[in-house]
Protein backbone atom coordinates (compact mmCIF):
# COMPACT_ATOMS: atom_id res chain seq x y z
CA MET A 1 -40.16 26.00 47.30
CA VAL A 2 -42.01 28.89 45.77
CA ALA A 3 -40.44 31.25 43.32
CA GLN A 4 -38.77 34.35 44.57
CA VAL A 5 -40.60 37.59 43.85
CA SER A 6 -38.64 39.64 41.21
CA ARG A 7 -40.24 42.89 42.29
CA GLN A 8 -39.94 44.24 46.02
CA GLN A 9 -43.51 44.68 46.57
CA ALA A 10 -46.50 42.19 46.57
CA ALA A 11 -50.01 41.94 47.69
CA VAL A 12 -51.42 39.39 50.18
CA TYR A 13 -54.68 37.40 50.15
CA ILE A 14 -55.62 35.63 53.44
CA HIS A 15 -58.43 33.14 53.07
CA ILE A 16 -60.83 32.39 56.07
CA PRO A 17 -63.04 29.45 55.04
CA PHE A 18 -65.56 29.60 57.91
CA CYS A 19 -69.18 30.60 57.41
CA ASP A 20 -72.29 30.76 59.74
CA HIS A 21 -74.31 29.73 56.76
CA ILE A 22 -73.84 28.62 53.16
CA CYS A 23 -75.21 30.84 50.41
CA TYR A 24 -77.01 28.97 47.49
CA TYR A 25 -74.73 30.48 44.78
CA CYS A 26 -71.41 30.28 46.50
CA ASN A 27 -68.60 27.83 45.28
CA PHE A 28 -65.68 29.23 47.19
CA ASN A 29 -63.60 27.11 49.66
CA LYS A 30 -65.77 27.25 52.76
CA VAL A 31 -67.12 25.17 55.70
CA LEU A 32 -69.76 25.92 58.26
CA ILE A 33 -67.90 27.20 61.36
CA ASN A 34 -69.64 24.97 63.91
CA GLY A 35 -67.48 22.15 65.03
CA GLN A 36 -64.34 23.36 63.06
CA PRO A 37 -60.84 23.63 64.42
CA VAL A 38 -60.81 27.40 64.11
CA HIS A 39 -58.06 28.13 66.46
CA ASP A 40 -55.88 25.33 64.94
CA TYR A 41 -56.57 26.76 61.42
CA LEU A 42 -55.44 30.28 62.58
CA VAL A 43 -52.26 29.07 64.15
CA ALA A 44 -51.41 27.23 60.89
CA LEU A 45 -52.35 30.18 58.90
CA LEU A 46 -49.87 32.31 60.75
CA THR A 47 -47.28 29.58 60.49
CA GLU A 48 -47.74 29.58 56.75
CA ILE A 49 -47.16 33.18 56.45
CA ARG A 50 -44.11 32.97 58.69
CA LEU A 51 -42.54 30.13 56.62
CA THR A 52 -43.29 31.85 53.33
CA LEU A 53 -41.88 35.24 54.17
CA ALA A 54 -38.84 33.53 55.32
CA GLN A 55 -38.41 32.75 51.75
CA HIS A 56 -38.84 36.41 50.76
CA PRO A 57 -37.14 38.46 53.23
CA ASP A 58 -36.94 41.63 51.06
CA VAL A 59 -40.48 41.82 49.95
CA THR A 60 -42.79 44.60 51.24
CA ILE A 61 -46.55 44.17 51.39
CA GLY A 62 -48.61 46.69 49.39
CA THR A 63 -52.01 45.51 50.16
CA ILE A 64 -53.77 42.90 52.42
CA TYR A 65 -57.27 41.39 51.78
CA PHE A 66 -59.04 39.18 54.22
CA GLY A 67 -61.54 36.98 52.21
CA GLY A 68 -63.50 33.87 52.48
CA GLY A 69 -65.60 32.15 53.30
CA THR A 70 -66.72 34.83 55.84
CA PRO A 71 -63.92 36.49 57.83
CA SER A 72 -66.27 38.25 59.95
CA ALA A 73 -67.83 34.89 61.14
CA LEU A 74 -64.70 34.52 63.42
CA PRO A 75 -65.47 34.96 67.08
CA VAL A 76 -64.09 38.15 68.57
CA ALA A 77 -61.23 36.40 70.50
CA GLU A 78 -60.13 34.38 67.40
CA LEU A 79 -60.35 37.64 65.21
CA ASP A 80 -58.01 39.34 67.67
CA PHE A 81 -55.66 36.53 67.59
CA LEU A 82 -55.45 36.48 63.75
CA LEU A 83 -55.16 40.30 63.25
CA THR A 84 -52.55 40.46 66.02
CA GLY A 85 -50.35 37.71 64.42
CA VAL A 86 -50.82 39.15 60.98
CA GLN A 87 -49.63 42.61 62.25
CA GLU A 88 -46.46 40.90 63.72
CA LEU A 89 -45.60 38.81 60.73
CA LEU A 90 -46.38 40.98 57.56
CA PRO A 91 -43.97 43.83 56.70
CA PHE A 92 -46.93 46.15 55.73
CA ARG A 93 -46.06 49.48 54.15
CA GLY A 94 -49.07 49.90 52.01
CA GLN A 95 -52.27 52.04 52.24
CA GLU A 96 -55.01 49.44 52.11
CA VAL A 97 -56.20 46.43 54.40
CA THR A 98 -59.52 45.00 53.36
CA PHE A 99 -61.77 42.89 55.36
CA GLU A 100 -64.77 41.17 53.91
CA ALA A 101 -67.83 41.03 56.22
CA ASN A 102 -71.56 40.07 56.37
CA PRO A 103 -73.95 42.82 57.52
CA ASN A 104 -75.22 40.83 60.59
CA ASP A 105 -71.62 40.32 61.97
CA LEU A 106 -71.19 44.17 62.21
CA LEU A 107 -74.41 45.25 63.98
CA ASP A 108 -73.15 45.50 67.55
CA GLY A 109 -69.99 47.35 66.61
CA THR A 110 -67.69 45.17 68.62
CA LYS A 111 -65.83 43.67 65.61
CA LEU A 112 -65.73 46.94 63.78
CA ALA A 113 -63.88 48.51 66.78
CA LEU A 114 -61.52 45.52 66.74
CA LEU A 115 -60.80 45.92 62.96
CA ARG A 116 -60.06 49.61 63.38
CA SER A 117 -57.71 49.02 66.16
CA HIS A 118 -55.70 46.58 64.13
CA GLY A 119 -55.35 48.75 61.13
CA VAL A 120 -57.97 47.56 58.83
CA ASN A 121 -59.16 50.56 56.77
CA ARG A 122 -61.38 49.19 54.12
CA LEU A 123 -64.58 47.00 54.33
CA SER A 124 -66.23 44.87 51.64
CA ILE A 125 -69.72 44.17 52.79
CA GLY A 126 -71.71 41.26 51.22
CA VAL A 127 -75.19 42.98 50.78
CA GLN A 128 -76.22 41.38 47.34
CA SER A 129 -79.63 42.90 47.39
CA PHE A 130 -82.00 45.27 49.27
CA ASN A 131 -85.01 43.08 48.70
CA ASP A 132 -85.79 40.85 51.80
CA THR A 133 -87.66 38.26 49.57
CA VAL A 134 -84.76 37.98 47.17
CA LEU A 135 -82.27 37.81 50.02
CA LYS A 136 -84.20 34.68 51.40
CA LYS A 137 -84.21 33.04 47.93
CA ILE A 138 -80.44 33.29 47.61
CA GLY A 139 -79.81 31.77 51.17
CA ARG A 140 -78.78 35.05 52.85
CA THR A 141 -79.51 35.56 56.48
CA HIS A 142 -79.54 39.20 56.97
CA THR A 143 -82.26 41.74 55.85
CA ALA A 144 -82.24 44.82 53.82
CA ARG A 145 -82.45 47.02 57.02
CA GLN A 146 -79.57 45.21 58.60
CA ALA A 147 -77.41 45.74 55.52
CA VAL A 148 -78.29 49.52 55.88
CA GLN A 149 -77.52 49.38 59.64
CA ALA A 150 -74.16 47.71 59.20
CA VAL A 151 -72.99 50.38 56.71
CA GLU A 152 -74.11 53.19 58.97
CA GLN A 153 -72.36 51.49 61.86
CA ALA A 154 -69.20 51.14 59.95
CA GLN A 155 -69.29 54.86 58.93
CA GLN A 156 -69.87 55.85 62.61
CA ALA A 157 -66.77 53.60 63.57
CA GLY A 158 -64.70 55.76 61.27
CA PHE A 159 -64.57 53.54 58.05
CA ASP A 160 -64.72 55.84 55.07
CA ASN A 161 -63.52 53.28 52.55
CA ILE A 162 -66.32 50.91 52.26
CA SER A 163 -67.56 48.72 49.31
CA ILE A 164 -70.80 46.78 48.99
CA ASP A 165 -71.51 43.88 46.54
CA LEU A 166 -74.68 43.65 44.61
CA ILE A 167 -75.66 40.75 42.49
CA TYR A 168 -78.20 40.84 39.53
CA ARG A 169 -80.02 38.21 37.44
CA LEU A 170 -81.20 36.80 40.89
CA PRO A 171 -84.33 34.55 41.21
CA GLY A 172 -87.41 36.81 41.57
CA GLN A 173 -85.49 39.84 40.54
CA ASP A 174 -86.69 42.20 37.76
CA LEU A 175 -85.35 45.53 36.40
CA VAL A 176 -87.48 47.61 38.77
CA ASP A 177 -86.15 45.59 41.69
CA PHE A 178 -82.62 46.00 40.87
CA GLN A 179 -83.13 49.73 40.29
CA ARG A 180 -84.60 49.77 43.90
CA SER A 181 -81.36 48.08 45.16
CA LEU A 182 -79.20 50.47 43.17
CA SER A 183 -81.02 53.49 44.62
CA GLN A 184 -80.74 52.14 48.13
CA ALA A 185 -77.08 51.44 47.56
CA LEU A 186 -76.40 55.10 46.29
CA ALA A 187 -78.27 56.56 49.48
CA LEU A 188 -75.66 55.14 51.72
CA GLU A 189 -73.09 57.50 50.08
CA ILE A 190 -70.26 55.02 50.16
CA PRO A 191 -67.14 55.31 47.63
CA HIS A 192 -67.28 51.87 46.06
CA TYR A 193 -69.73 49.23 44.65
CA ALA A 194 -69.20 45.90 42.99
CA THR A 195 -71.91 44.42 40.85
CA TYR A 196 -71.83 40.98 39.57
CA SER A 197 -74.22 38.99 37.46
CA LEU A 198 -75.16 35.53 38.97
CA ILE A 199 -73.02 32.77 37.81
CA LEU A 200 -74.14 29.19 38.20
CA GLU A 201 -71.15 27.25 39.76
CA ARG A 202 -70.88 23.70 40.14
CA LYS A 203 -71.33 22.19 43.71
CA THR A 204 -73.85 24.92 44.64
CA VAL A 205 -77.42 24.65 45.56
CA PHE A 206 -78.44 26.79 42.68
CA TYR A 207 -76.48 24.70 40.18
CA ASN A 208 -78.36 21.61 41.36
CA LEU A 209 -81.61 23.42 41.23
CA MET A 210 -80.73 24.42 37.66
CA ARG A 211 -79.88 20.75 36.68
CA ARG A 212 -83.39 19.70 37.94
CA GLY A 213 -85.13 22.42 36.25
CA LYS A 214 -86.26 24.18 39.48
CA LEU A 215 -84.46 27.47 39.14
CA GLN A 216 -86.09 30.39 37.36
CA LEU A 217 -83.87 33.25 36.63
CA PRO A 218 -84.22 36.39 34.49
CA SER A 219 -83.49 36.06 30.83
CA GLN A 220 -80.08 37.02 29.34
CA ASP A 221 -81.67 40.02 27.76
CA MET A 222 -82.78 41.16 31.26
CA GLU A 223 -79.36 40.40 32.54
CA ALA A 224 -77.76 42.73 29.76
CA ASP A 225 -80.44 45.32 30.78
CA MET A 226 -79.45 45.22 34.40
CA TYR A 227 -75.77 45.40 33.60
CA GLN A 228 -76.48 48.48 31.53
CA LEU A 229 -78.71 50.08 34.25
CA ALA A 230 -75.90 49.56 36.75
CA MET A 231 -73.47 51.32 34.50
CA ASP A 232 -75.67 54.15 33.68
CA THR A 233 -76.99 54.75 37.33
CA LEU A 234 -73.79 54.66 39.11
CA ASN A 235 -71.84 56.71 36.42
CA ALA A 236 -74.60 59.27 36.69
CA HIS A 237 -73.95 59.61 40.29
CA GLY A 238 -70.32 60.19 39.99
CA ILE A 239 -69.44 56.59 40.69
CA GLU A 240 -66.97 55.86 37.79
CA GLN A 241 -66.80 52.30 36.27
CA TYR A 242 -63.15 51.36 36.34
CA GLU A 243 -63.50 47.66 35.69
CA ILE A 244 -66.13 45.30 34.27
CA SER A 245 -67.81 44.94 37.51
CA ASN A 246 -66.49 47.67 39.77
CA PHE A 247 -67.36 51.22 40.31
CA ALA A 248 -65.68 54.00 42.48
CA ARG A 249 -65.44 57.56 43.39
CA PRO A 250 -61.93 58.95 42.34
CA GLY A 251 -59.30 57.80 44.62
CA PHE A 252 -61.34 54.70 45.97
CA GLN A 253 -60.53 52.04 43.47
CA SER A 254 -59.61 48.76 45.02
CA GLN A 255 -55.72 48.75 45.14
CA HIS A 256 -55.73 45.16 46.07
CA ASN A 257 -57.78 43.96 43.10
CA LEU A 258 -55.92 46.21 40.83
CA VAL A 259 -52.82 44.04 41.50
CA TYR A 260 -54.83 41.02 40.02
CA TRP A 261 -55.97 42.99 37.15
CA HIS A 262 -52.43 44.18 36.27
CA ASN A 263 -51.13 40.54 36.58
CA GLU A 264 -48.69 41.45 39.29
CA HIS A 265 -47.50 39.50 42.15
CA TYR A 266 -49.38 38.26 45.18
CA PHE A 267 -49.22 35.71 48.16
CA GLY A 268 -52.14 33.52 48.79
CA PHE A 269 -52.38 32.32 52.49
CA GLY A 270 -54.93 29.82 53.66
CA ALA A 271 -56.85 26.66 52.68
CA GLY A 272 -57.40 26.68 49.06
CA ALA A 273 -55.75 29.92 48.40
CA SER A 274 -53.69 30.70 45.33
CA GLY A 275 -50.58 32.85 44.85
CA TYR A 276 -48.63 34.12 41.89
CA LEU A 277 -44.80 34.82 42.54
CA GLY A 278 -42.26 35.38 39.84
CA GLN A 279 -43.28 33.16 37.03
CA THR A 280 -44.84 30.42 39.36
CA ARG A 281 -48.51 30.05 40.35
CA TYR A 282 -49.34 27.80 43.07
CA GLN A 283 -52.49 26.55 45.06
CA ASN A 284 -52.85 25.26 48.63
CA PHE A 285 -54.80 22.35 49.77
CA GLY A 286 -58.42 23.12 50.20
CA PRO A 287 -59.68 20.74 52.81
CA ILE A 288 -58.77 22.11 56.20
CA GLN A 289 -57.25 18.79 57.58
CA GLN A 290 -55.00 18.40 54.48
CA TYR A 291 -54.06 22.22 54.86
CA LEU A 292 -53.24 21.61 58.54
CA GLN A 293 -51.12 18.45 58.32
CA PRO A 294 -47.98 19.86 56.54
CA LEU A 295 -48.15 22.98 58.63
CA ALA A 296 -47.88 20.87 61.73
CA GLN A 297 -44.58 19.81 60.46
CA GLU A 298 -43.34 23.11 59.46
CA GLN A 299 -43.96 22.57 55.84
CA LEU A 300 -45.95 24.68 53.26
CA PRO A 301 -49.25 23.39 52.29
CA ILE A 302 -48.71 23.69 48.45
CA LEU A 303 -51.10 21.23 46.56
CA THR A 304 -49.91 22.25 43.03
CA SER A 305 -47.22 24.65 41.66
CA GLU A 306 -46.71 25.42 37.93
CA GLN A 307 -44.43 27.55 35.94
CA ILE A 308 -46.28 30.03 33.77
CA THR A 309 -44.83 30.41 30.22
CA THR A 310 -44.25 33.65 28.46
CA ASN A 311 -47.29 33.08 26.22
CA GLN A 312 -49.52 32.45 29.29
CA GLN A 313 -48.31 35.50 30.96
CA ILE A 314 -49.12 37.46 27.68
CA GLU A 315 -52.62 36.00 27.58
CA GLU A 316 -53.38 36.67 31.10
CA GLN A 317 -52.01 40.26 30.80
CA LEU A 318 -54.69 40.83 28.19
CA PHE A 319 -57.46 38.93 29.73
CA LEU A 320 -57.04 40.70 33.17
CA GLY A 321 -56.09 44.03 31.86
CA LEU A 322 -58.80 44.48 29.43
CA ARG A 323 -61.36 44.06 32.37
CA LEU A 324 -60.09 47.66 33.43
CA ASN A 325 -61.82 50.50 31.66
CA ALA A 326 -58.32 52.09 31.29
CA GLY A 327 -57.27 49.04 29.49
CA VAL A 328 -53.83 47.39 28.94
CA GLU A 329 -51.07 49.85 29.05
CA LYS A 330 -48.78 49.68 26.00
CA ALA A 331 -45.67 50.77 27.86
CA ARG A 332 -46.26 48.33 30.79
CA PHE A 333 -46.60 45.54 28.35
CA GLN A 334 -43.61 46.51 26.31
CA GLU A 335 -41.37 46.87 29.52
CA ARG A 336 -42.56 43.29 30.81
CA PHE A 337 -42.44 41.37 27.48
CA GLY A 338 -40.05 43.24 25.25
CA ARG A 339 -42.54 43.45 22.52
CA SER A 340 -45.68 45.62 21.75
CA ILE A 341 -49.03 44.45 21.95
CA LEU A 342 -49.58 45.19 18.21
CA ALA A 343 -46.44 43.13 17.46
CA VAL A 344 -47.90 40.05 19.43
CA TYR A 345 -51.35 40.62 18.02
CA PRO A 346 -51.04 42.14 14.52
CA GLN A 347 -54.30 40.83 13.15
CA VAL A 348 -56.43 40.50 16.24
CA ILE A 349 -56.08 44.17 17.52
CA PRO A 350 -57.08 45.92 14.06
CA ARG A 351 -59.90 43.44 13.66
CA LEU A 352 -61.40 43.88 17.08
CA ILE A 353 -61.08 47.87 16.70
CA GLN A 354 -62.83 47.47 13.33
CA GLN A 355 -65.53 45.46 14.99
CA GLY A 356 -66.11 48.14 17.63
CA LEU A 357 -65.14 45.96 20.44
CA LEU A 358 -61.70 47.30 21.21
CA VAL A 359 -60.52 51.11 21.15
CA ASP A 360 -56.96 52.57 20.94
CA LEU A 361 -56.76 55.15 23.73
CA GLY A 362 -53.26 56.19 22.89
CA PRO A 363 -51.41 54.93 25.94
CA ALA A 364 -53.58 51.79 26.13
CA TYR A 365 -56.03 49.43 24.27
CA ALA A 366 -59.36 49.08 26.11
CA LEU A 367 -62.76 47.39 25.63
CA THR A 368 -65.52 49.42 24.30
CA GLU A 369 -68.64 49.40 26.18
CA ARG A 370 -70.09 46.97 23.59
CA GLY A 371 -66.92 44.96 24.23
CA ARG A 372 -67.54 44.81 27.95
CA PHE A 373 -71.01 43.13 27.43
CA ILE A 374 -69.14 40.12 25.45
CA GLY A 375 -65.86 40.36 27.32
CA ASN A 376 -65.34 36.63 27.54
CA ASP A 377 -65.77 36.30 23.68
CA VAL A 378 -63.31 39.06 23.12
CA PHE A 379 -60.68 37.55 25.60
CA ALA A 380 -60.75 34.31 23.67
CA ASP A 381 -59.30 36.06 20.56
CA PHE A 382 -56.15 36.75 22.60
CA MET A 383 -55.30 33.06 23.01
CA LEU A 384 -52.01 32.32 21.70
CA VAL A 385 -51.63 28.83 20.07
């Protein structure tokens, strides 16, 4: 059993673990789609949604996010089956349904039309770079031109809420190259951009190359320069930074991701997905066959479930909320925990402010720009022993 949601609205994340290819930096739960039981997986996924919602009959859904893996790798018929089933099962009353896609899956327009017909109104497109040489080095199969075409096709199909991902500190990348990618991204005139520094995760091609001394990356100083360049360039064009890695025109912030950063409730459906309901965090089985087996018996596929202590909730409220430029709201914290932030951290807060890493905005505490560069170090100060 999963805990009951104390509030009447929650977000939904739906995991599609299938990919046409595996990128060299990716450590998400995924498999190559060829030879996989795709339809069986989708049937099980809809079963999981049905079983879970039966335990939460009064909850309405604020946002839905289809992630992966690569959701757009699904064949058209299977994609239609999935979206039809989700529409029938989820009591969606919100305004945002996001779908992750690779550029080359959108080029003929068929899947775009299908997504539109099922109520998807936001796209997150994995561009990563507009340099073909860099794209090949990181294992991407689309070209820069195809990325542009995909965005243009989406706009022509009626999508006005589009986000693209860009990664910096990539092999073969320098400051001039990243500036070119930023300029090309801005030329697309979309409302949302996510920029991430490359992280070397275990069980990835890049991690193994690094261990063998065969991966050459830009320096940490160059990484910091790239991050500064992203902040300066995007803000100068009216794309406001609202989270450490995310930038948007006013009104186009990711409502789904804001649920995570505000440490609020969400369902996680699919192989390896995690959810956070009430005071319980759970994670599903990751391997597809292990995920399918309990659902075939009308049982939820939960691998682990843990109760989150009050101290853990407080820590996470700070870790996640401080990622936002708006910071951690004092009133929201007081309402949730019955204490002020300053009462919980009477020494940490003044010290970080004195060090120029934190600022008191009045209604909230937020990281300074300097604090955002060393966010993980700042977050460590909010660990409660």
